[in-house]
Structure formats: structure tokens, C-alpha cells
Amino acid sequence: MRKFVLGILLICVLVMVAACAPPTSSTQPVSGEPVSGEEDGQLREEGRVVFAITDVAADMGAVTSVMITVGSVRVHSATEGWVTVSSTPKTVDLLKLKAEGNNELLADVTLKESDYEQLRLDISKVVVVDDKGEHEATLPSGELKIVGGFTVTTNSTSTATFDFIADESLHLTGSGEYILAPVVQLETRENAEVEIKADKKVEVKGGKVKTNVKVGMDVEGKVGVGLGIAKEAKLSLSKGKVVAGAALEIGDEKKDSTEEDTNVSAGASAKVKVGY
């Protein structure tokens, strides 16, 4: 009889412990809509996409900070057109990210299932800090449109990381004015594992690399593979526009800046690396 009573008491204790246990946590996106839902009576399938920014630039001497403000993030697919995934301005210090070895969150959203083939960052402001103080840098164009793809599938996480290479992006005019012509390594992944920490730092693990491409911006603001401004280029500003008086480096070749540039960013092909 004593054993029977003890058994009943043990069962009661186990039931009370189970009732007090906290619910298991879910990994829902920080922002955006649920992964699936209804639109006009029809079920829509969506997947999660995390956008991050980082910098692995080398030391740039007197420059101690490069603050870049991203006004919006957009993506494009043939079926959905241009979709704004974030319109909240985000300011990050590229050199701080480099020193910490971190990725900073730009957006964490859900998108409809589709193949997205272009990404666009609208850069509204760049502030450079050196040993003489703060200076607002000029961009050839505030629109950084990159040809590079990722696929959104239901109940999976894709990522897009914009790695700004600051030491290749930042230039000085003869009169000491800063110009930022972004050089960016874009990497996208599918079926990735993502951890977003309390300070909005992002850690990406695993998954399959779909796009790994390096693009640059020339003096006219065109973006594409092989484009950019050579370090030795003699630059100046004229009515707020960047003017180059020396050769521009495109791939392994050089051409004079007075020649017409026939490269168009939308026609640049992305290098795709699948898997690790």
C-alpha cells in the first residue's frame, strides 16, 4: 500500500512539472510576414531571406571610420518585379565591422517563392572620418544594383551578404575630397542556418552557395563585373559629379576615361559557385 501511494505522488509531481515548463521557442523572422498565408483566397508560399552587410578591407592608414547609410534594399524577379524588402535607413561603420569580423543585419523578411536575379542597395550618405575630422564622401551613383541570384523556397532560409571592400572603394581627389565607388563581393546562400543576435549581428552557417561575385562601380555610376576605378586614377569633382582624368581599370585591361563605356550593369554576368 505504501508503494502504491508513493507511485501516485510521483505521477502528480511529474504532471505539475510538465505544466510549468515554458513553450519551445520558434525561429520566426525578426520582421516581415508569416511564412505562409492567404492572399485573395489563394494560398501563397513564402520563404525567409536575411540580408547582411560586412567589410573585410585592409588597413587604410589615417581613415578610422567609413559610415555608410543604406536607405533601402530591393530585389527583383521576373514574376514579382521589384520588391522593397526594407525602406528603413540603416547606418553601419564598415571599418568597425571589419575590426570585429561581424555581419550587420540589413533586413530579415519573408518573400514569395521565386528566383530573384538582381539586388539593389540605395546608398543615401557616406561619411569618412580621418585624422582631420569628418568628411562627406561623394558617390558616382547612390544606386548599387547587382546582378546576382538567389532562390526563395517555402520553409527555408536564404541569405545575401554584401561585403564592401573599403580599401578598393575609397578614393581621394587631388584637393583631398573623398569619393566612394563601391566594390562589393556578393554572396548568396540557400537552405542556410542563420543566427541573429541581440545586437543585430548575423551569423550564417552551412547552406549552398548560389552566387559569389565581385562587382565595382565606375565614375559614371555603372555597376558590373570588372568595373571600378583604378587606385592611381586622378579624380576630381565637377558640379557634384566624379570626373576621372586617368585610365580606368576594367579587368586586366585599361582604357582612357574619355572613351565611351559600353558596359551596362544589367548585362554583366555573375560568377556562380554552387556548394562548398
Protein backbone atom coordinates (compact mmCIF):
# COMPACT_ATOMS: atom_id res chain seq x y z
CA MET A 1 0.00 0.00 0.00
CA ARG A 2 2.86 2.39 0.83
CA LYS A 3 4.48 1.78 -2.60
CA PHE A 4 1.15 2.47 -4.30
CA VAL A 5 0.78 5.84 -2.52
CA LEU A 6 4.37 6.85 -3.37
CA GLY A 7 3.73 5.99 -7.05
CA ILE A 8 0.62 8.19 -7.13
CA LEU A 9 2.56 11.11 -5.58
CA LEU A 10 5.38 10.73 -8.15
CA ILE A 11 2.92 10.86 -11.05
CA CYS A 12 1.33 14.04 -9.64
CA VAL A 13 4.74 15.73 -9.34
CA LEU A 14 5.62 14.88 -12.97
CA VAL A 15 2.31 16.28 -14.22
CA MET A 16 2.86 19.56 -12.31
CA VAL A 17 6.43 19.96 -13.71
CA ALA A 18 5.24 19.39 -17.28
CA ALA A 19 2.51 22.01 -16.87
CA CYS A 20 5.01 24.64 -15.69
CA ALA A 21 7.56 24.06 -18.46
CA PRO A 22 7.98 27.04 -20.89
CA PRO A 23 6.86 26.60 -24.53
CA THR A 24 9.52 25.80 -27.10
CA SER A 25 10.87 28.81 -29.00
CA SER A 26 10.38 29.32 -32.73
CA THR A 27 12.72 30.84 -35.28
CA GLN A 28 10.41 33.37 -36.90
CA PRO A 29 11.91 36.26 -38.89
CA VAL A 30 12.58 39.49 -36.99
CA SER A 31 10.33 41.36 -39.39
CA GLY A 32 8.12 40.62 -42.37
CA GLU A 33 5.07 38.43 -42.74
CA PRO A 34 4.41 34.81 -41.73
CA VAL A 35 5.98 32.13 -43.88
CA SER A 36 2.66 31.22 -45.47
CA GLY A 37 -0.77 32.77 -45.67
CA GLU A 38 -3.70 33.62 -47.89
CA GLU A 39 -3.92 36.35 -50.50
CA ASP A 40 -7.24 36.87 -52.30
CA GLY A 41 -8.38 33.46 -51.13
CA GLN A 42 -5.31 31.69 -52.53
CA LEU A 43 -2.55 30.07 -50.53
CA ARG A 44 0.82 31.74 -51.06
CA GLU A 45 4.12 30.07 -50.33
CA GLU A 46 6.97 32.10 -48.89
CA GLY A 47 10.47 31.65 -47.57
CA ARG A 48 12.77 33.62 -45.30
CA VAL A 49 15.60 35.82 -46.61
CA VAL A 50 18.24 37.51 -44.44
CA PHE A 51 20.28 40.41 -45.85
CA ALA A 52 23.58 41.36 -44.16
CA ILE A 53 26.47 43.76 -44.71
CA THR A 54 30.13 43.37 -43.77
CA ASP A 55 33.65 44.56 -44.65
CA VAL A 56 37.00 42.78 -44.88
CA ALA A 57 39.07 45.74 -46.06
CA ALA A 58 42.74 46.19 -45.28
CA ASP A 59 44.07 48.97 -43.04
CA MET A 60 43.67 52.40 -44.63
CA GLY A 61 46.07 54.46 -42.57
CA ALA A 62 44.57 57.76 -41.41
CA VAL A 63 40.96 56.69 -42.10
CA THR A 64 39.34 55.46 -38.90
CA SER A 65 35.70 55.20 -39.93
CA VAL A 66 33.60 54.80 -43.07
CA MET A 67 29.94 55.30 -42.17
CA ILE A 68 27.58 54.20 -44.93
CA THR A 69 23.82 54.72 -44.81
CA VAL A 70 21.67 52.27 -46.78
CA GLY A 71 18.28 53.84 -47.39
CA SER A 72 16.54 50.81 -48.86
CA VAL A 73 17.07 47.23 -50.03
CA ARG A 74 15.23 45.87 -53.06
CA VAL A 75 15.23 42.61 -55.02
CA HIS A 76 13.90 41.71 -58.47
CA SER A 77 12.39 38.63 -60.04
CA ALA A 78 10.68 38.03 -63.37
CA THR A 79 7.43 37.08 -61.64
CA GLU A 80 7.34 39.66 -58.82
CA GLY A 81 9.18 42.63 -60.37
CA TRP A 82 11.00 44.94 -57.95
CA VAL A 83 10.16 44.21 -54.30
CA THR A 84 11.22 46.51 -51.44
CA VAL A 85 12.41 44.37 -48.55
CA SER A 86 13.49 47.31 -46.36
CA SER A 87 12.90 51.06 -46.50
CA THR A 88 14.26 51.86 -43.04
CA PRO A 89 17.63 53.68 -43.27
CA LYS A 90 20.47 51.72 -41.74
CA THR A 91 23.89 53.25 -40.96
CA VAL A 92 26.89 51.00 -40.39
CA ASP A 93 30.60 51.63 -39.89
CA LEU A 94 32.41 49.44 -42.41
CA LEU A 95 35.75 49.62 -40.62
CA LYS A 96 34.15 48.70 -37.30
CA LEU A 97 32.55 45.65 -38.90
CA LYS A 98 35.95 44.74 -40.33
CA ALA A 99 37.68 45.10 -36.95
CA GLU A 100 35.02 42.98 -35.22
CA GLY A 101 34.71 40.46 -38.06
CA ASN A 102 30.93 40.81 -37.98
CA ASN A 103 27.98 40.84 -40.36
CA GLU A 104 25.35 43.52 -39.65
CA LEU A 105 21.66 42.86 -40.26
CA LEU A 106 20.06 44.89 -43.05
CA ALA A 107 16.74 43.05 -43.31
CA ASP A 108 15.06 39.83 -42.20
CA VAL A 109 11.89 39.23 -44.19
CA THR A 110 9.75 36.67 -45.96
CA LEU A 111 9.40 36.76 -49.74
CA LYS A 112 7.23 34.85 -52.17
CA GLU A 113 8.70 31.76 -53.74
CA SER A 114 10.64 32.83 -56.82
CA ASP A 115 14.04 33.08 -58.47
CA TYR A 116 15.41 36.56 -57.71
CA GLU A 117 18.15 37.66 -60.11
CA GLN A 118 19.01 41.22 -59.02
CA LEU A 119 19.62 43.03 -55.74
CA ARG A 120 19.73 46.78 -55.18
CA LEU A 121 21.02 48.93 -52.35
CA ASP A 122 20.16 52.63 -52.31
CA ILE A 123 23.01 54.42 -50.54
CA SER A 124 21.94 57.83 -49.28
CA LYS A 125 25.07 59.02 -47.44
CA VAL A 126 28.72 58.17 -46.76
CA VAL A 127 30.78 59.86 -44.02
CA VAL A 128 34.54 59.29 -43.75
CA VAL A 129 36.44 60.04 -40.54
CA ASP A 130 40.19 60.60 -40.66
CA ASP A 131 42.82 62.41 -38.56
CA LYS A 132 41.40 65.76 -39.76
CA GLY A 133 37.76 65.12 -38.86
CA GLU A 134 34.55 64.08 -40.65
CA HIS A 135 34.07 64.37 -44.42
CA GLU A 136 31.02 63.50 -46.52
CA ALA A 137 32.09 61.37 -49.47
CA THR A 138 30.65 61.66 -52.98
CA LEU A 139 29.31 58.61 -54.82
CA PRO A 140 29.24 58.33 -58.63
CA SER A 141 25.74 56.90 -58.04
CA GLY A 142 23.71 56.17 -54.93
CA GLU A 143 22.14 53.17 -56.67
CA LEU A 144 24.11 49.95 -56.28
CA LYS A 145 22.34 47.40 -58.48
CA ILE A 146 23.98 43.96 -58.60
CA VAL A 147 23.20 41.09 -60.94
CA GLY A 148 23.26 38.05 -58.69
CA GLY A 149 20.66 35.47 -57.85
CA PHE A 150 19.07 33.56 -55.02
CA THR A 151 16.01 31.32 -54.83
CA VAL A 152 13.29 31.57 -52.20
CA THR A 153 11.55 28.34 -51.25
CA THR A 154 8.96 27.64 -48.58
CA ASN A 155 10.15 26.90 -45.05
CA SER A 156 13.81 27.56 -45.83
CA THR A 157 16.21 30.46 -45.25
CA SER A 158 18.22 32.19 -47.95
CA THR A 159 20.87 34.83 -47.31
CA ALA A 160 22.51 37.70 -49.19
CA THR A 161 25.70 39.21 -47.77
CA PHE A 162 27.15 42.44 -49.19
CA ASP A 163 30.88 42.55 -48.40
CA PHE A 164 32.09 46.12 -49.01
CA ILE A 165 35.82 46.19 -49.77
CA ALA A 166 36.51 49.64 -48.37
CA ASP A 167 40.16 50.00 -49.37
CA GLU A 168 39.23 49.38 -53.04
CA SER A 169 36.12 51.56 -52.83
CA LEU A 170 37.51 54.73 -51.25
CA HIS A 171 39.42 57.34 -53.32
CA LEU A 172 40.79 60.86 -52.87
CA THR A 173 40.67 63.75 -55.30
CA GLY A 174 43.68 66.00 -55.84
CA SER A 175 42.12 68.52 -53.46
CA GLY A 176 41.58 65.96 -50.69
CA GLU A 177 37.87 65.17 -51.19
CA TYR A 178 36.67 61.60 -50.63
CA ILE A 179 34.90 59.55 -53.30
CA LEU A 180 33.28 56.19 -52.60
CA ALA A 181 32.82 53.99 -55.66
CA PRO A 182 31.63 50.74 -54.03
CA VAL A 183 33.45 47.50 -54.71
CA VAL A 184 31.34 44.68 -53.29
CA GLN A 185 31.62 40.92 -53.02
CA LEU A 186 28.10 39.49 -53.05
CA GLU A 187 27.46 36.03 -51.68
CA THR A 188 24.03 34.41 -51.61
CA ARG A 189 23.14 31.11 -49.99
CA GLU A 190 20.16 28.80 -49.87
CA ASN A 191 18.99 26.50 -47.07
CA ALA A 192 21.30 28.29 -44.66
CA GLU A 193 21.33 28.33 -40.88
CA VAL A 194 21.13 31.89 -39.54
CA GLU A 195 21.53 33.21 -36.02
CA ILE A 196 20.59 36.84 -35.38
CA LYS A 197 21.94 38.08 -32.07
CA ALA A 198 20.51 40.74 -29.77
CA ASP A 199 22.88 43.40 -31.18
CA LYS A 200 21.66 42.67 -34.76
CA LYS A 201 24.86 40.84 -35.65
CA VAL A 202 24.30 37.95 -38.06
CA GLU A 203 26.00 34.56 -38.16
CA VAL A 204 25.46 32.44 -41.28
CA LYS A 205 26.30 28.74 -41.36
CA GLY A 206 26.01 25.98 -43.90
CA GLY A 207 23.66 26.03 -46.84
CA LYS A 208 24.54 26.06 -50.52
CA VAL A 209 26.35 28.99 -52.12
CA LYS A 210 24.47 30.08 -55.23
CA THR A 211 26.16 33.37 -56.15
CA ASN A 212 29.65 34.58 -55.33
CA VAL A 213 30.53 37.60 -57.45
CA LYS A 214 32.66 40.73 -57.14
CA VAL A 215 31.38 43.92 -58.76
CA GLY A 216 32.55 47.51 -58.84
CA MET A 217 31.26 50.96 -59.76
CA ASP A 218 32.91 53.22 -62.35
CA VAL A 219 32.97 57.04 -62.49
CA GLU A 220 29.66 57.09 -64.36
CA GLY A 221 27.93 55.06 -61.67
CA LYS A 222 27.67 51.88 -63.72
CA VAL A 223 27.99 48.65 -61.76
CA GLY A 224 29.23 45.32 -63.02
CA VAL A 225 31.86 42.61 -63.02
CA GLY A 226 35.27 44.08 -63.86
CA LEU A 227 34.19 47.69 -63.41
CA GLY A 228 35.79 50.08 -60.93
CA ILE A 229 38.17 52.99 -60.51
CA ALA A 230 41.91 52.35 -60.53
CA LYS A 231 43.80 53.40 -57.40
CA GLU A 232 46.11 55.59 -59.49
CA ALA A 233 43.25 57.39 -61.27
CA LYS A 234 43.34 61.18 -60.98
CA LEU A 235 39.88 62.18 -59.79
CA SER A 236 38.10 65.47 -59.31
CA LEU A 237 34.58 66.74 -58.65
CA SER A 238 32.69 68.92 -61.10
CA LYS A 239 29.22 70.13 -60.07
CA GLY A 240 28.90 67.21 -57.68
CA LYS A 241 29.92 64.62 -60.29
CA VAL A 242 33.03 62.48 -60.30
CA VAL A 243 35.45 63.14 -63.15
CA ALA A 244 38.42 60.90 -63.95
CA GLY A 245 41.46 62.20 -65.76
CA ALA A 246 43.38 58.93 -65.87
CA ALA A 247 42.89 55.38 -67.05
CA LEU A 248 40.10 53.26 -65.62
CA GLU A 249 40.96 49.66 -64.89
CA ILE A 250 38.48 47.13 -66.24
CA GLY A 251 39.53 43.56 -65.58
CA ASP A 252 43.12 43.18 -66.74
CA GLU A 253 42.87 45.96 -69.32
CA LYS A 254 42.98 49.76 -69.17
CA LYS A 255 41.17 52.29 -71.25
CA ASP A 256 41.11 56.07 -71.20
CA SER A 257 38.21 57.63 -69.29
CA THR A 258 37.28 59.74 -72.30
CA GLU A 259 36.27 56.65 -74.30
CA GLU A 260 32.65 55.66 -74.29
CA ASP A 261 31.93 52.87 -71.82
CA THR A 262 29.69 50.29 -73.44
CA ASN A 263 29.38 48.06 -70.37
CA VAL A 264 25.94 48.03 -68.78
CA SER A 265 25.49 46.69 -65.28
CA ALA A 266 22.28 44.84 -66.11
CA GLY A 267 24.14 42.87 -68.76
CA ALA A 268 27.01 41.72 -66.55
CA SER A 269 27.13 38.00 -65.91
CA ALA A 270 27.55 36.73 -62.36
CA LYS A 271 30.09 34.10 -61.38
CA VAL A 272 28.15 31.30 -59.74
CA LYS A 273 29.73 28.90 -57.29
CA VAL A 274 27.48 26.07 -56.17
CA GLY A 275 28.26 24.25 -52.96
CA TYR A 276 31.42 24.37 -50.93
